[in-house]
Amino acid sequence: MIKKLLTLCTVFLVVCLHASAQEEFWRKPGQLKANLSLLGVNANYELRLLKYSTLNLEAKIDMGLLFRSSGDYGNEWDFLACPVFSAEFRQYYGIAHRAGRNRRIDNNAGNFFSITGGYMGQPLISTKDYYSASSAFFTPAWGMQRSWGRRFSFEGRFGLTFFPKEYADVVQPSIRINFGYIIL
């Protein structure tokens, strides 16, 4: 499974770098944001690495509802909140096209491909005491970031999250919608 993920990442990175090879515009060298998402809060710092590439470092509290249907515990709902720390490589594309059509490119507004790796810690709050969520994860995704005014932004990201486990790998869809305030 690890070899397949590394191959997928390599192909993904080559496609991303090729997609932005002919563009000439760039926006901000770095920005600090506080975000409110549908299922949590976070703070992130997006640092420019290459012409159209950034590293997005993030700390957040993710919240969620789980439904369990198992023989041991029966059918139950569980609410939990977990700390999450991640680093995301973003490759932006279509910046010259956006600028040519008089669309906003300030505050890193644009479409991107990303690869995220991180760690989800033990639940801070959980309605059931049997749940253990501590795990590393990996997420390839497509996303977009848009500016609203000078200080507000919207971000949407869609992908698949892989949780490598000792005996079985877990894959689940990843959807993130953030409304942010740009601090720096």
C-alpha atoms as a PDB file:
ATOM      1  CA  MET A   1       0.000   0.000   0.000  1.00  0.00           C
ATOM      2  CA  ILE A   2       2.840   2.422   0.826  1.00  0.00           C
ATOM      3  CA  LYS A   3       4.508   1.868  -2.566  1.00  0.00           C
ATOM      4  CA  LYS A   4       1.217   2.559  -4.340  1.00  0.00           C
ATOM      5  CA  LEU A   5       0.757   5.789  -2.364  1.00  0.00           C
ATOM      6  CA  LEU A   6       4.305   6.945  -3.159  1.00  0.00           C
ATOM      7  CA  THR A   7       3.757   6.211  -6.869  1.00  0.00           C
ATOM      8  CA  LEU A   8       0.449   8.099  -6.778  1.00  0.00           C
ATOM      9  CA  CYS A   9       2.150  11.078  -5.073  1.00  0.00           C
ATOM     10  CA  THR A  10       4.964  11.165  -7.629  1.00  0.00           C
ATOM     11  CA  VAL A  11       2.552  11.157 -10.579  1.00  0.00           C
ATOM     12  CA  PHE A  12       0.376  13.749  -8.835  1.00  0.00           C
ATOM     13  CA  LEU A  13       3.374  16.054  -8.246  1.00  0.00           C
ATOM     14  CA  VAL A  14       4.608  15.809 -11.862  1.00  0.00           C
ATOM     15  CA  VAL A  15       1.129  16.673 -13.196  1.00  0.00           C
ATOM     16  CA  CYS A  16       0.858  19.612 -10.771  1.00  0.00           C
ATOM     17  CA  LEU A  17       4.241  21.062 -11.697  1.00  0.00           C
ATOM     18  CA  HIS A  18       3.493  20.710 -15.425  1.00  0.00           C
ATOM     19  CA  ALA A  19       0.095  22.452 -15.025  1.00  0.00           C
ATOM     20  CA  SER A  20       1.699  25.735 -13.911  1.00  0.00           C
ATOM     21  CA  ALA A  21       4.893  25.743 -15.975  1.00  0.00           C
ATOM     22  CA  GLN A  22       3.869  28.570 -18.352  1.00  0.00           C
ATOM     23  CA  GLU A  23       2.372  31.061 -15.892  1.00  0.00           C
ATOM     24  CA  GLU A  24       3.994  34.375 -14.908  1.00  0.00           C
ATOM     25  CA  PHE A  25       1.982  35.779 -11.992  1.00  0.00           C
ATOM     26  CA  TRP A  26       2.212  35.198  -8.272  1.00  0.00           C
ATOM     27  CA  ARG A  27       0.577  36.747  -5.284  1.00  0.00           C
ATOM     28  CA  LYS A  28       1.585  36.771  -1.642  1.00  0.00           C
ATOM     29  CA  PRO A  29       4.826  35.274  -0.238  1.00  0.00           C
ATOM     30  CA  GLY A  30       3.077  34.168   2.977  1.00  0.00           C
ATOM     31  CA  GLN A  31      -0.123  34.641   4.923  1.00  0.00           C
ATOM     32  CA  LEU A  32      -1.463  33.817   8.379  1.00  0.00           C
ATOM     33  CA  LYS A  33      -5.175  33.015   8.679  1.00  0.00           C
ATOM     34  CA  ALA A  34      -7.695  32.073  11.333  1.00  0.00           C
ATOM     35  CA  ASN A  35     -10.473  29.873   9.925  1.00  0.00           C
ATOM     36  CA  LEU A  36     -13.894  28.693  10.907  1.00  0.00           C
ATOM     37  CA  SER A  37     -15.005  25.530   9.149  1.00  0.00           C
ATOM     38  CA  LEU A  38     -18.236  23.602   9.223  1.00  0.00           C
ATOM     39  CA  LEU A  39     -16.716  21.087  11.665  1.00  0.00           C
ATOM     40  CA  GLY A  40     -14.044  22.956  13.589  1.00  0.00           C
ATOM     41  CA  VAL A  41     -11.659  25.874  13.926  1.00  0.00           C
ATOM     42  CA  ASN A  42      -8.074  26.228  12.751  1.00  0.00           C
ATOM     43  CA  ALA A  43      -5.142  28.524  12.200  1.00  0.00           C
ATOM     44  CA  ASN A  44      -2.764  28.169   9.279  1.00  0.00           C
ATOM     45  CA  TYR A  45       0.293  29.782   7.782  1.00  0.00           C
ATOM     46  CA  GLU A  46       0.760  29.450   4.024  1.00  0.00           C
ATOM     47  CA  LEU A  47       4.381  29.986   2.980  1.00  0.00           C
ATOM     48  CA  ARG A  48       5.505  30.407  -0.632  1.00  0.00           C
ATOM     49  CA  LEU A  49       8.094  27.779  -1.615  1.00  0.00           C
ATOM     50  CA  LEU A  50       8.373  28.055  -5.398  1.00  0.00           C
ATOM     51  CA  LYS A  51       6.698  30.271  -7.985  1.00  0.00           C
ATOM     52  CA  TYR A  52       3.281  28.563  -7.703  1.00  0.00           C
ATOM     53  CA  SER A  53       3.900  26.243  -4.775  1.00  0.00           C
ATOM     54  CA  THR A  54       3.182  26.832  -1.102  1.00  0.00           C
ATOM     55  CA  LEU A  55       3.486  24.954   2.172  1.00  0.00           C
ATOM     56  CA  ASN A  56       0.395  25.303   4.346  1.00  0.00           C
ATOM     57  CA  LEU A  57       1.094  24.538   8.034  1.00  0.00           C
ATOM     58  CA  GLU A  58      -2.067  24.054  10.063  1.00  0.00           C
ATOM     59  CA  ALA A  59      -3.229  23.397  13.623  1.00  0.00           C
ATOM     60  CA  LYS A  60      -6.925  22.743  14.166  1.00  0.00           C
ATOM     61  CA  ILE A  61      -9.635  21.235  16.294  1.00  0.00           C
ATOM     62  CA  ASP A  62     -11.811  18.931  14.180  1.00  0.00           C
ATOM     63  CA  MET A  63     -15.255  17.964  15.390  1.00  0.00           C
ATOM     64  CA  GLY A  64     -17.517  15.254  14.098  1.00  0.00           C
ATOM     65  CA  LEU A  65     -20.432  12.914  14.589  1.00  0.00           C
ATOM     66  CA  LEU A  66     -19.949   9.175  14.222  1.00  0.00           C
ATOM     67  CA  PHE A  67     -22.576   6.485  13.871  1.00  0.00           C
ATOM     68  CA  ARG A  68     -21.535   3.030  14.997  1.00  0.00           C
ATOM     69  CA  SER A  69     -23.395  -0.143  14.263  1.00  0.00           C
ATOM     70  CA  SER A  70     -21.520  -2.944  15.966  1.00  0.00           C
ATOM     71  CA  GLY A  71     -22.283  -6.044  17.979  1.00  0.00           C
ATOM     72  CA  ASP A  72     -20.258  -4.870  20.988  1.00  0.00           C
ATOM     73  CA  TYR A  73     -21.841  -1.463  21.488  1.00  0.00           C
ATOM     74  CA  GLY A  74     -25.061  -1.570  19.444  1.00  0.00           C
ATOM     75  CA  ASN A  75     -26.217   1.317  17.297  1.00  0.00           C
ATOM     76  CA  GLU A  76     -24.891   4.558  18.767  1.00  0.00           C
ATOM     77  CA  TRP A  77     -24.029   8.138  17.901  1.00  0.00           C
ATOM     78  CA  ASP A  78     -20.800   9.677  19.146  1.00  0.00           C
ATOM     79  CA  PHE A  79     -19.608  13.297  19.113  1.00  0.00           C
ATOM     80  CA  LEU A  80     -15.904  14.048  19.415  1.00  0.00           C
ATOM     81  CA  ALA A  81     -13.383  16.848  19.018  1.00  0.00           C
ATOM     82  CA  CYS A  82      -9.748  16.037  18.163  1.00  0.00           C
ATOM     83  CA  PRO A  83      -6.594  18.136  17.716  1.00  0.00           C
ATOM     84  CA  VAL A  84      -5.037  17.866  14.246  1.00  0.00           C
ATOM     85  CA  PHE A  85      -1.626  19.040  13.023  1.00  0.00           C
ATOM     86  CA  SER A  86      -0.799  18.944   9.317  1.00  0.00           C
ATOM     87  CA  ALA A  87       1.500  20.155   6.559  1.00  0.00           C
ATOM     88  CA  GLU A  88       0.087  20.548   3.069  1.00  0.00           C
ATOM     89  CA  PHE A  89       1.998  21.068  -0.183  1.00  0.00           C
ATOM     90  CA  ARG A  90      -0.103  23.117  -2.611  1.00  0.00           C
ATOM     91  CA  GLN A  91       0.529  23.559  -6.318  1.00  0.00           C
ATOM     92  CA  TYR A  92      -1.529  26.423  -7.780  1.00  0.00           C
ATOM     93  CA  TYR A  93      -2.504  26.489 -11.454  1.00  0.00           C
ATOM     94  CA  GLY A  94      -4.420  28.769 -13.845  1.00  0.00           C
ATOM     95  CA  ILE A  95      -3.165  32.001 -12.271  1.00  0.00           C
ATOM     96  CA  ALA A  96      -2.337  33.722 -15.590  1.00  0.00           C
ATOM     97  CA  HIS A  97      -5.750  32.728 -16.954  1.00  0.00           C
ATOM     98  CA  ARG A  98      -7.510  34.155 -13.855  1.00  0.00           C
ATOM     99  CA  ALA A  99      -5.539  37.403 -14.045  1.00  0.00           C
ATOM    100  CA  GLY A 100      -6.194  37.700 -17.786  1.00  0.00           C
ATOM    101  CA  ARG A 101      -9.944  37.474 -17.153  1.00  0.00           C
ATOM    102  CA  ASN A 102      -9.727  40.204 -14.460  1.00  0.00           C
ATOM    103  CA  ARG A 103     -10.456  37.797 -11.620  1.00  0.00           C
ATOM    104  CA  ARG A 104      -8.892  38.252  -8.200  1.00  0.00           C
ATOM    105  CA  ILE A 105      -5.555  36.610  -7.509  1.00  0.00           C
ATOM    106  CA  ASP A 106      -4.725  38.488  -4.299  1.00  0.00           C
ATOM    107  CA  ASN A 107      -4.421  36.619  -0.968  1.00  0.00           C
ATOM    108  CA  ASN A 108      -3.470  33.434  -2.858  1.00  0.00           C
ATOM    109  CA  ALA A 109      -6.834  33.187  -4.622  1.00  0.00           C
ATOM    110  CA  GLY A 110      -6.786  30.364  -7.144  1.00  0.00           C
ATOM    111  CA  ASN A 111      -7.218  26.652  -7.761  1.00  0.00           C
ATOM    112  CA  PHE A 112      -4.702  24.117  -6.509  1.00  0.00           C
ATOM    113  CA  PHE A 113      -3.768  20.482  -6.162  1.00  0.00           C
ATOM    114  CA  SER A 114      -2.495  19.462  -2.733  1.00  0.00           C
ATOM    115  CA  ILE A 115      -0.898  16.648  -0.782  1.00  0.00           C
ATOM    116  CA  THR A 116      -1.437  16.749   2.979  1.00  0.00           C
ATOM    117  CA  GLY A 117       0.214  14.699   5.696  1.00  0.00           C
ATOM    118  CA  GLY A 118      -0.582  15.019   9.347  1.00  0.00           C
ATOM    119  CA  TYR A 119      -1.469  13.604  12.720  1.00  0.00           C
ATOM    120  CA  MET A 120      -4.831  13.440  14.483  1.00  0.00           C
ATOM    121  CA  GLY A 121      -4.487  13.175  18.262  1.00  0.00           C
ATOM    122  CA  GLN A 122      -6.628  11.586  20.966  1.00  0.00           C
ATOM    123  CA  PRO A 123     -10.102  13.145  21.381  1.00  0.00           C
ATOM    124  CA  LEU A 124     -10.297  16.183  23.646  1.00  0.00           C
ATOM    125  CA  ILE A 125     -14.051  15.643  24.028  1.00  0.00           C
ATOM    126  CA  SER A 126     -15.939  12.426  23.330  1.00  0.00           C
ATOM    127  CA  THR A 127     -19.383  11.252  24.360  1.00  0.00           C
ATOM    128  CA  LYS A 128     -18.109   7.658  24.471  1.00  0.00           C
ATOM    129  CA  ASP A 129     -14.952   6.646  26.305  1.00  0.00           C
ATOM    130  CA  TYR A 130     -14.093   3.666  24.085  1.00  0.00           C
ATOM    131  CA  TYR A 131     -13.100   5.674  21.015  1.00  0.00           C
ATOM    132  CA  SER A 132      -9.414   6.186  20.207  1.00  0.00           C
ATOM    133  CA  ALA A 133      -8.688   8.388  17.191  1.00  0.00           C
ATOM    134  CA  SER A 134      -4.930   8.905  17.365  1.00  0.00           C
ATOM    135  CA  SER A 135      -3.618   8.342  13.853  1.00  0.00           C
ATOM    136  CA  ALA A 136      -1.422   9.629  11.047  1.00  0.00           C
ATOM    137  CA  PHE A 137      -3.107  10.465   7.739  1.00  0.00           C
ATOM    138  CA  PHE A 138      -2.369  11.352   4.124  1.00  0.00           C
ATOM    139  CA  THR A 139      -4.718  13.302   1.775  1.00  0.00           C
ATOM    140  CA  PRO A 140      -4.301  14.041  -1.959  1.00  0.00           C
ATOM    141  CA  ALA A 141      -6.901  16.664  -2.968  1.00  0.00           C
ATOM    142  CA  TRP A 142      -8.080  19.408  -5.307  1.00  0.00           C
ATOM    143  CA  GLY A 143      -9.069  22.763  -3.857  1.00  0.00           C
ATOM    144  CA  MET A 144      -9.782  26.406  -4.423  1.00  0.00           C
ATOM    145  CA  GLN A 145      -9.196  29.553  -2.408  1.00  0.00           C
ATOM    146  CA  ARG A 146     -11.038  32.839  -3.006  1.00  0.00           C
ATOM    147  CA  SER A 147     -10.768  36.349  -1.534  1.00  0.00           C
ATOM    148  CA  TRP A 148     -13.677  38.341  -0.176  1.00  0.00           C
ATOM    149  CA  GLY A 149     -12.576  41.913   0.351  1.00  0.00           C
ATOM    150  CA  ARG A 150      -9.131  42.592   1.784  1.00  0.00           C
ATOM    151  CA  ARG A 151      -9.246  40.340   4.866  1.00  0.00           C
ATOM    152  CA  PHE A 152     -11.744  37.518   4.300  1.00  0.00           C
ATOM    153  CA  SER A 153     -11.350  34.310   2.325  1.00  0.00           C
ATOM    154  CA  PHE A 154     -13.166  31.141   1.376  1.00  0.00           C
ATOM    155  CA  GLU A 155     -11.499  27.774   0.836  1.00  0.00           C
ATOM    156  CA  GLY A 156     -12.922  24.492  -0.392  1.00  0.00           C
ATOM    157  CA  ARG A 157     -10.975  21.254  -0.718  1.00  0.00           C
ATOM    158  CA  PHE A 158     -12.080  17.801  -1.889  1.00  0.00           C
ATOM    159  CA  GLY A 159     -10.059  14.590  -1.798  1.00  0.00           C
ATOM    160  CA  LEU A 160      -9.493  11.186  -0.209  1.00  0.00           C
ATOM    161  CA  THR A 161      -7.894  10.652   3.188  1.00  0.00           C
ATOM    162  CA  PHE A 162      -5.829   7.524   3.833  1.00  0.00           C
ATOM    163  CA  PHE A 163      -5.321   6.346   7.433  1.00  0.00           C
ATOM    164  CA  PRO A 164      -2.617   3.629   7.394  1.00  0.00           C
ATOM    165  CA  LYS A 165      -3.276   1.125  10.169  1.00  0.00           C
ATOM    166  CA  GLU A 166      -1.358  -1.915  11.325  1.00  0.00           C
ATOM    167  CA  TYR A 167      -3.749  -4.529   9.889  1.00  0.00           C
ATOM    168  CA  ALA A 168      -6.040  -2.635   7.509  1.00  0.00           C
ATOM    169  CA  ASP A 169      -5.915   0.699   5.712  1.00  0.00           C
ATOM    170  CA  VAL A 170      -8.874   3.052   6.041  1.00  0.00           C
ATOM    171  CA  VAL A 171      -9.895   5.383   3.196  1.00  0.00           C
ATOM    172  CA  GLN A 172     -12.569   8.048   3.518  1.00  0.00           C
ATOM    173  CA  PRO A 173     -13.685  11.112   1.547  1.00  0.00           C
ATOM    174  CA  SER A 174     -12.293  14.458   2.679  1.00  0.00           C
ATOM    175  CA  ILE A 175     -14.332  17.632   2.254  1.00  0.00           C
ATOM    176  CA  ARG A 176     -13.187  20.877   3.828  1.00  0.00           C
ATOM    177  CA  ILE A 177     -14.971  24.233   3.684  1.00  0.00           C
ATOM    178  CA  ASN A 178     -13.274  27.138   5.510  1.00  0.00           C
ATOM    179  CA  PHE A 179     -14.237  30.755   6.028  1.00  0.00           C
ATOM    180  CA  GLY A 180     -11.129  32.666   7.044  1.00  0.00           C
ATOM    181  CA  TYR A 181      -9.836  35.977   8.314  1.00  0.00           C
ATOM    182  CA  ILE A 182      -6.394  36.961   7.011  1.00  0.00           C
ATOM    183  CA  ILE A 183      -4.298  38.221   9.915  1.00  0.00           C
ATOM    184  CA  LEU A 184      -1.017  38.894   8.032  1.00  0.00           C
END
